[in-house]
Amino acid sequence: MNFTTDDIKKLRETTGAGMMDAKKALQESDTFEKAIEMLRKKGHATLAKKSSRTAKEGIIASYLHAGGKVGVILELNCETDFVARNEEFKLLAQEIALHIAAAQPTFVSRDEVPAANIETEKAIYAEQVKDKPDAIREQIVNGKLEKYYEQVCLLDQPYVREPEKKVKDLIAESVGKLGENVQVRRFQRFVVGLE
């Protein structure tokens, strides 16, 4: 693919990748979209490597929406206080809090979903597809369970500003930019009049 310095700049702004990573992705891809996909995959690989590192620093971020009727408090962690003070990290926390206000997740990740909830969902889905052939019944139930995770798990939800990427993709991009493990520790969503 022939590319210009403007293409590199645009790719860096889109993905947050470093200049050399963006240039390499453009050289190895035949389209701009494939270069973005390559960098997103690299961000996930970086996230996987860094995910075992302890993230005990970070910030508490808040977000108010809809004239003060919806609010979110979020704890976002990183490895160092240097990154916790970084504007990019603070912006990520705000974006995740905004997403939580809009998308209403219940859990941070699949690991937090109680086994009883999963079994209940599976039983409901199995009942819904009981008339389907045995060969595809399990696939349908698993597909419906994946959709359930996208509804209730923050990291699996499509990001409200860019639905083609998930919240975990947004975090992976930030890990690539910041060079540290970044984790959503917990959140609470408040709505006026609801308990």
Protein backbone atom coordinates (compact mmCIF):
# COMPACT_ATOMS: atom_id res chain seq x y z
CA MET A 1 0.00 0.00 0.00
CA ASN A 2 1.33 3.46 -0.87
CA PHE A 3 0.96 5.83 2.07
CA THR A 4 1.96 9.33 3.09
CA THR A 5 2.99 10.93 6.36
CA ASP A 6 -0.60 12.16 6.63
CA ASP A 7 -1.74 8.52 6.54
CA ILE A 8 0.64 7.70 9.40
CA LYS A 9 -0.62 10.70 11.35
CA LYS A 10 -4.25 9.72 10.75
CA LEU A 11 -3.58 6.12 11.82
CA ARG A 12 -1.82 7.32 14.98
CA GLU A 13 -4.75 9.60 15.85
CA THR A 14 -7.25 6.80 15.19
CA THR A 15 -5.46 4.09 17.19
CA GLY A 16 -3.09 5.89 19.52
CA ALA A 17 -0.21 3.77 18.21
CA GLY A 18 3.35 5.01 18.08
CA MET A 19 4.77 6.40 14.85
CA MET A 20 6.91 3.35 14.02
CA ASP A 21 4.06 0.94 14.81
CA ALA A 22 1.69 2.91 12.58
CA LYS A 23 4.24 3.02 9.75
CA LYS A 24 4.89 -0.72 10.02
CA ALA A 25 1.16 -1.52 10.07
CA LEU A 26 0.63 0.53 6.92
CA GLN A 27 3.58 -1.16 5.21
CA GLU A 28 2.26 -4.63 6.06
CA SER A 29 -1.42 -3.96 5.24
CA ASP A 30 -3.11 -3.43 1.91
CA THR A 31 -5.84 -1.14 3.31
CA PHE A 32 -6.12 1.49 6.03
CA GLU A 33 -8.80 -0.62 7.78
CA LYS A 34 -6.48 -3.65 7.91
CA ALA A 35 -3.75 -1.48 9.41
CA ILE A 36 -6.20 -0.40 12.14
CA GLU A 37 -7.17 -4.03 12.76
CA MET A 38 -3.50 -5.05 12.97
CA LEU A 39 -2.77 -2.34 15.55
CA ARG A 40 -5.87 -3.26 17.58
CA LYS A 41 -4.70 -6.89 17.68
CA LYS A 42 -1.28 -5.72 18.77
CA GLY A 43 -2.93 -3.71 21.53
CA HIS A 44 -4.69 -6.86 22.76
CA ALA A 45 -1.38 -8.76 22.68
CA THR A 46 0.24 -5.98 24.70
CA LEU A 47 -2.71 -6.05 27.11
CA ALA A 48 -2.36 -9.82 27.54
CA LYS A 49 1.36 -9.44 28.38
CA LYS A 50 0.76 -6.64 30.83
CA SER A 51 -2.41 -8.01 32.43
CA SER A 52 -0.47 -10.03 35.00
CA ARG A 53 1.27 -6.91 36.27
CA THR A 54 -0.17 -5.32 39.39
CA ALA A 55 -2.33 -2.25 38.84
CA LYS A 56 -2.73 -0.61 42.26
CA GLU A 57 -2.53 3.04 41.28
CA GLY A 58 -5.23 4.92 39.42
CA ILE A 59 -8.12 7.29 39.87
CA ILE A 60 -11.74 7.50 40.88
CA ALA A 61 -13.67 9.19 38.10
CA SER A 62 -17.24 10.42 38.10
CA TYR A 63 -19.68 11.28 35.36
CA LEU A 64 -23.08 13.01 35.49
CA HIS A 65 -25.54 12.68 32.64
CA ALA A 66 -29.06 13.72 31.70
CA GLY A 67 -29.29 16.85 33.81
CA GLY A 68 -27.97 15.12 36.92
CA LYS A 69 -30.43 12.22 36.73
CA VAL A 70 -27.78 9.55 35.99
CA GLY A 71 -24.35 9.33 37.60
CA VAL A 72 -21.41 6.95 37.56
CA ILE A 73 -18.44 6.48 39.88
CA LEU A 74 -15.61 4.40 38.44
CA GLU A 75 -12.29 3.12 39.78
CA LEU A 76 -9.76 2.76 36.96
CA ASN A 77 -6.37 1.34 37.89
CA CYS A 78 -2.91 1.46 36.36
CA GLU A 79 0.58 0.54 37.54
CA THR A 80 2.08 3.93 38.45
CA ASP A 81 0.94 7.28 39.78
CA PHE A 82 2.72 8.87 36.81
CA VAL A 83 0.20 7.30 34.43
CA ALA A 84 -2.68 7.97 36.85
CA ARG A 85 -1.93 11.69 36.49
CA ASN A 86 -1.70 11.44 32.68
CA GLU A 87 -4.45 13.29 30.78
CA GLU A 88 -4.87 10.36 28.39
CA PHE A 89 -5.61 8.05 31.33
CA LYS A 90 -8.07 10.54 32.83
CA LEU A 91 -9.82 10.85 29.48
CA LEU A 92 -10.11 7.05 29.27
CA ALA A 93 -11.73 6.99 32.71
CA GLN A 94 -14.23 9.65 31.61
CA GLU A 95 -15.05 7.76 28.41
CA ILE A 96 -15.63 4.51 30.30
CA ALA A 97 -17.80 6.29 32.88
CA LEU A 98 -19.85 7.90 30.09
CA HIS A 99 -20.24 4.47 28.48
CA ILE A 100 -21.45 2.98 31.78
CA ALA A 101 -24.05 5.75 32.12
CA ALA A 102 -25.35 5.06 28.61
CA ALA A 103 -25.03 1.25 28.31
CA GLN A 104 -25.94 0.21 31.87
CA PRO A 105 -23.61 -2.78 32.38
CA THR A 106 -24.06 -4.83 35.55
CA PHE A 107 -20.61 -6.44 35.83
CA VAL A 108 -17.07 -5.44 34.83
CA SER A 109 -16.24 -8.80 33.21
CA ARG A 110 -17.55 -12.32 32.64
CA ASP A 111 -15.65 -13.52 35.69
CA GLU A 112 -17.98 -11.51 37.92
CA VAL A 113 -21.23 -12.98 36.54
CA PRO A 114 -22.56 -15.43 39.15
CA ALA A 115 -22.75 -19.05 37.98
CA ALA A 116 -26.44 -19.10 38.95
CA ASN A 117 -27.14 -16.25 36.48
CA ILE A 118 -25.36 -18.10 33.70
CA GLU A 119 -27.25 -21.33 34.40
CA THR A 120 -30.57 -19.45 34.46
CA GLU A 121 -29.79 -17.82 31.11
CA LYS A 122 -28.73 -21.15 29.59
CA ALA A 123 -31.97 -22.77 30.79
CA ILE A 124 -34.04 -19.98 29.23
CA TYR A 125 -32.16 -20.21 25.93
CA ALA A 126 -32.38 -24.02 25.89
CA GLU A 127 -36.16 -23.74 26.33
CA GLN A 128 -36.34 -21.23 23.49
CA VAL A 129 -34.53 -23.56 21.06
CA LYS A 130 -35.88 -26.93 22.22
CA ASP A 131 -37.54 -27.50 18.80
CA LYS A 132 -34.28 -27.00 16.89
CA PRO A 133 -32.12 -29.94 15.74
CA ASP A 134 -29.70 -31.27 18.37
CA ALA A 135 -26.70 -30.49 16.17
CA ILE A 136 -27.26 -26.72 16.29
CA ARG A 137 -29.04 -26.31 19.63
CA GLU A 138 -25.83 -25.89 21.65
CA GLN A 139 -24.39 -23.41 19.13
CA ILE A 140 -27.52 -21.27 19.35
CA VAL A 141 -27.48 -21.34 23.16
CA ASN A 142 -23.78 -20.34 23.18
CA GLY A 143 -24.50 -17.52 20.71
CA LYS A 144 -27.31 -16.22 22.89
CA LEU A 145 -25.04 -16.44 25.94
CA GLU A 146 -22.44 -14.31 24.11
CA LYS A 147 -25.16 -11.69 23.46
CA TYR A 148 -26.06 -11.82 27.17
CA TYR A 149 -22.42 -11.07 28.07
CA GLU A 150 -22.47 -8.12 25.65
CA GLN A 151 -25.48 -6.73 27.51
CA VAL A 152 -24.30 -7.15 31.11
CA CYS A 153 -20.46 -7.14 31.04
CA LEU A 154 -18.76 -3.77 30.60
CA LEU A 155 -15.67 -5.16 28.85
CA ASP A 156 -17.77 -7.11 26.31
CA GLN A 157 -20.12 -4.26 25.44
CA PRO A 158 -19.81 -2.40 22.14
CA TYR A 159 -18.35 1.03 22.97
CA VAL A 160 -21.14 3.62 22.67
CA ARG A 161 -19.09 6.11 20.64
CA GLU A 162 -17.70 3.47 18.26
CA PRO A 163 -19.96 0.38 18.27
CA GLU A 164 -17.60 -1.55 15.98
CA LYS A 165 -15.18 -1.85 18.93
CA LYS A 166 -15.76 -3.18 22.41
CA VAL A 167 -14.84 -1.45 25.66
CA LYS A 168 -12.00 -3.95 26.11
CA ASP A 169 -10.65 -2.77 22.71
CA LEU A 170 -10.71 0.81 23.94
CA ILE A 171 -8.72 -0.24 27.02
CA ALA A 172 -6.29 -2.30 24.90
CA GLU A 173 -5.59 0.78 22.76
CA SER A 174 -4.82 2.76 25.91
CA VAL A 175 -2.51 0.02 27.19
CA GLY A 176 -0.61 0.35 23.92
CA LYS A 177 -0.37 4.13 24.31
CA LEU A 178 0.37 4.25 28.04
CA GLY A 179 2.61 1.19 28.24
CA GLU A 180 1.01 -0.07 31.45
CA ASN A 181 -1.63 -2.50 32.58
CA VAL A 182 -4.99 -0.70 32.84
CA GLN A 183 -7.95 -2.30 34.59
CA VAL A 184 -11.47 -1.30 35.50
CA ARG A 185 -11.62 -2.31 39.15
CA ARG A 186 -15.27 -1.46 39.87
CA PHE A 187 -18.07 0.96 39.13
CA GLN A 188 -21.44 2.04 40.44
CA ARG A 189 -24.22 3.55 38.36
CA PHE A 190 -26.86 5.71 40.03
CA VAL A 191 -30.24 6.76 38.63
CA VAL A 192 -32.53 9.22 40.44
CA GLY A 193 -35.59 7.44 41.80
CA LEU A 194 -34.24 3.87 41.39
CA GLU A 195 -32.93 1.66 44.15
